[in-house]
Protein backbone atom coordinates (compact mmCIF):
# COMPACT_ATOMS: atom_id res chain seq x y z
CA MET A 1 -95.70 23.46 -26.14
CA PHE A 2 -94.22 21.35 -23.36
CA SER A 3 -90.93 22.30 -21.78
CA ASN A 4 -88.02 19.91 -21.88
CA SER A 5 -88.38 19.00 -18.20
CA VAL A 6 -92.13 18.23 -18.37
CA TYR A 7 -91.55 16.15 -21.76
CA SER A 8 -88.59 14.29 -20.02
CA THR A 9 -90.64 13.65 -16.79
CA THR A 10 -93.55 12.19 -18.77
CA THR A 11 -91.24 10.16 -20.86
CA PHE A 12 -89.59 8.80 -17.93
CA PHE A 13 -92.79 8.08 -16.35
CA VAL A 14 -93.67 5.92 -19.57
CA ALA A 15 -90.21 4.04 -19.00
CA VAL A 16 -90.89 3.17 -15.36
CA ILE A 17 -94.37 1.63 -16.68
CA LEU A 18 -92.50 -0.45 -19.14
CA PHE A 19 -89.75 -1.48 -16.71
CA CYS A 20 -92.59 -2.64 -14.38
CA LEU A 21 -94.35 -4.71 -17.10
CA ALA A 22 -90.93 -6.31 -17.86
CA ILE A 23 -90.47 -7.32 -14.37
CA ILE A 24 -94.17 -8.80 -14.21
CA PHE A 25 -93.37 -10.89 -17.29
CA SER A 26 -89.87 -11.96 -15.88
CA LEU A 27 -91.19 -12.80 -12.52
CA GLY A 28 -94.56 -14.25 -13.71
CA SER A 29 -92.86 -17.20 -15.42
CA LYS A 30 -89.54 -19.03 -15.48
CA ASN A 31 -90.13 -20.06 -19.14
CA HIS A 32 -87.77 -18.77 -21.95
CA SER A 33 -90.50 -17.14 -24.16
CA PRO A 34 -91.68 -14.79 -21.61
CA ARG A 35 -88.44 -13.92 -20.38
CA SER A 36 -87.29 -13.15 -23.94
CA PHE A 37 -90.49 -10.87 -24.23
CA ALA A 38 -89.51 -9.04 -20.89
CA PHE A 39 -86.16 -8.45 -22.40
CA ALA A 40 -87.60 -6.71 -25.60
CA ILE A 41 -89.73 -4.53 -23.28
CA ILE A 42 -86.50 -3.73 -21.10
CA LEU A 43 -85.01 -2.45 -24.53
CA THR A 44 -88.10 -0.53 -25.33
CA ALA A 45 -88.01 1.08 -21.85
CA SER A 46 -84.54 1.94 -22.36
CA TRP A 47 -85.03 3.54 -25.74
CA VAL A 48 -87.87 5.71 -24.16
CA SER A 49 -85.31 6.45 -21.19
CA CYS A 50 -82.87 7.54 -23.72
CA ILE A 51 -85.50 10.04 -25.60
CA GLY A 52 -86.36 11.46 -22.17
CA ALA A 53 -82.67 12.05 -21.23
CA ALA A 54 -81.80 13.58 -24.64
CA TYR A 55 -84.53 16.27 -23.89
CA LEU A 56 -83.46 16.69 -20.35
CA PHE A 57 -79.87 17.37 -21.12
CA TRP A 58 -80.67 19.58 -24.37
CA GLY A 59 -78.93 22.99 -23.89
CA ARG A 60 -77.45 22.01 -20.86
CA ASN A 61 -74.75 19.36 -22.09
CA ASP A 62 -74.39 18.83 -25.85
CA ILE A 63 -72.12 15.73 -25.51
CA LEU A 64 -74.67 14.08 -23.32
CA THR A 65 -77.55 15.08 -25.49
CA ALA A 66 -75.82 13.51 -28.58
CA LEU A 67 -74.93 10.41 -26.54
CA PHE A 68 -78.57 9.80 -25.56
CA VAL A 69 -79.80 10.48 -29.09
CA ARG A 70 -77.25 7.73 -30.34
CA GLY A 71 -78.50 5.64 -27.41
CA GLY A 72 -82.12 5.85 -28.59
CA TYR A 73 -81.01 4.85 -32.08
CA PHE A 74 -78.84 1.98 -30.66
CA PHE A 75 -81.92 0.72 -28.70
CA GLY A 76 -84.23 1.31 -31.61
CA THR A 77 -82.01 -0.77 -33.62
CA VAL A 78 -81.53 -3.61 -31.18
CA ILE A 79 -85.31 -3.92 -30.18
CA PRO A 80 -85.97 -5.73 -33.55
CA PHE A 81 -83.10 -8.13 -32.48
CA ALA A 82 -84.89 -8.97 -29.33
CA VAL A 83 -88.38 -9.38 -31.08
CA PHE A 84 -86.86 -11.60 -33.61
CA TYR A 85 -85.33 -13.69 -30.75
CA PHE A 86 -88.92 -13.70 -28.99
CA ALA A 87 -90.34 -14.79 -32.29
CA LEU A 88 -87.96 -17.72 -32.40
CA THR A 89 -88.82 -18.76 -28.79
CA TYR A 90 -92.71 -18.19 -29.12
CA PRO A 91 -94.99 -20.14 -28.55
CA ASP A 92 -93.09 -23.46 -27.90
CA ASN A 93 -90.79 -21.87 -25.28
CA TYR A 94 -88.06 -23.07 -27.53
CA LYS A 95 -84.40 -21.86 -26.34
CA PRO A 96 -82.24 -21.48 -29.53
CA PRO A 97 -78.94 -23.12 -29.81
CA VAL A 98 -75.72 -21.35 -28.65
CA PHE A 99 -74.75 -20.46 -31.97
CA ILE A 100 -77.82 -18.28 -32.74
CA ARG A 101 -77.68 -16.51 -29.41
CA THR A 102 -73.92 -15.96 -30.03
CA ILE A 103 -74.99 -14.18 -33.54
CA PHE A 104 -77.53 -12.05 -31.64
CA ILE A 105 -75.01 -11.04 -29.14
CA SER A 106 -72.49 -10.29 -31.65
CA ALA A 107 -74.89 -8.21 -33.81
CA GLY A 108 -75.60 -6.24 -30.68
CA ILE A 109 -72.03 -5.57 -29.91
CA LEU A 110 -71.36 -4.55 -33.65
CA THR A 111 -74.35 -2.31 -33.29
CA ALA A 112 -73.02 -0.73 -30.15
CA PHE A 113 -69.65 -0.11 -31.70
CA PHE A 114 -71.08 1.66 -34.71
CA TYR A 115 -73.16 3.83 -32.34
CA PHE A 116 -70.73 4.67 -29.57
CA ALA A 117 -67.17 4.15 -30.85
CA LYS A 118 -66.46 7.88 -31.30
CA ASP A 119 -68.22 8.78 -28.16
CA VAL A 120 -66.26 6.35 -25.91
CA LEU A 121 -62.94 7.39 -27.75
CA PHE A 122 -63.80 10.92 -26.92
CA PHE A 123 -64.44 10.46 -23.21
CA PHE A 124 -61.19 8.49 -23.03
CA THR A 125 -58.93 10.49 -25.18
CA GLY A 126 -60.48 13.83 -25.55
CA SER A 127 -60.52 13.47 -29.37
CA ALA A 128 -61.80 10.80 -31.39
CA SER A 129 -61.41 12.69 -34.57
CA ILE A 130 -58.38 10.99 -35.68
CA LEU A 131 -59.83 7.48 -35.76
CA PHE A 132 -63.50 8.42 -36.58
CA PRO A 133 -63.25 11.57 -38.78
CA GLU A 134 -67.17 11.36 -39.27
CA GLN A 135 -70.07 10.36 -37.12
CA THR A 136 -70.99 6.62 -37.93
CA ILE A 137 -74.69 6.37 -37.73
CA VAL A 138 -76.10 9.48 -36.05
CA GLY A 139 -74.47 12.86 -36.77
CA GLU A 140 -74.74 16.17 -35.21
CA VAL A 141 -77.90 16.86 -32.99
CA PHE A 142 -79.94 20.10 -33.25
CA LYS A 143 -83.08 21.50 -32.17
CA THR A 144 -85.72 22.15 -34.70
CA SER A 145 -87.76 25.33 -34.86
CA ASN A 146 -90.90 23.87 -33.40
CA GLY A 147 -88.78 22.48 -30.31
CA HIS A 148 -88.13 18.95 -31.22
CA LEU A 149 -84.68 17.27 -31.56
CA GLY A 150 -83.39 16.44 -34.76
CA TRP A 151 -80.07 14.85 -36.03
CA TYR A 152 -78.22 14.62 -39.12
CA PRO A 153 -77.63 11.11 -40.49
CA GLY A 154 -74.26 9.91 -40.27
CA LYS A 155 -72.22 8.20 -43.10
CA HIS A 156 -73.28 4.66 -42.04
CA ILE A 157 -76.91 5.28 -41.56
CA ILE A 158 -77.76 2.35 -43.83
CA PHE A 159 -76.89 -0.06 -40.97
CA PHE A 160 -79.66 1.27 -39.01
CA PHE A 161 -82.30 0.59 -41.87
CA ILE A 162 -80.62 -2.87 -42.62
CA PHE A 163 -80.67 -4.10 -39.07
CA PHE A 164 -84.17 -2.37 -38.10
CA PHE A 165 -86.24 -3.57 -41.01
CA GLY A 166 -84.07 -6.84 -41.52
CA SER A 167 -84.63 -7.87 -38.09
CA PHE A 168 -88.32 -6.88 -37.95
CA CYS A 169 -88.97 -8.51 -41.18
CA ALA A 170 -87.45 -11.72 -39.86
CA ALA A 171 -89.27 -11.67 -36.79
CA LEU A 172 -92.83 -11.02 -38.31
CA SER A 173 -91.72 -13.98 -40.90
CA ALA A 174 -90.99 -16.40 -38.11
CA LEU A 175 -94.33 -15.35 -36.19
CA TRP A 176 -96.21 -15.79 -39.48
CA GLN A 177 -94.96 -19.26 -40.10
CA LYS A 178 -95.67 -20.31 -36.54
CA TYR A 179 -99.08 -18.86 -36.78
CA LYS A 180 -99.67 -20.86 -40.05
């Protein structure tokens, strides 16, 4: 079994490869479609980085471990938003209207609130239990008997499934319609 530091290093290496791929796509074309794809790759690299950081901080700092686990879920939730946005732009290099981009940004902010409101309040006040007595999406983090990180679902875990599967289904539907 790999140790946490070896697993984290390997994971960070994959994240660096993804970041480099995003830079290649972004610098390789000034068109909107490849840049929206590069943004989806950046979110994927951020998701991978959060997974590596969660394992790196496990046993050293429980608050940072939980924060990075929530970060992994957050990026896992907004990746489908980015893929859906890319599906709208591809292959015609179409730039969606401002109100559609505003909807995507607002959905990302709402998602960030659900994942990080309790953590942010904890860092500023020392206690967020008064305003958020339960974890919103991701609950407590624990280590399984075989060495993997696990977490208990929070009260509002349904939002993860709605955002994740809804956005991916919408993206695949948009791509399928363009393919036809």
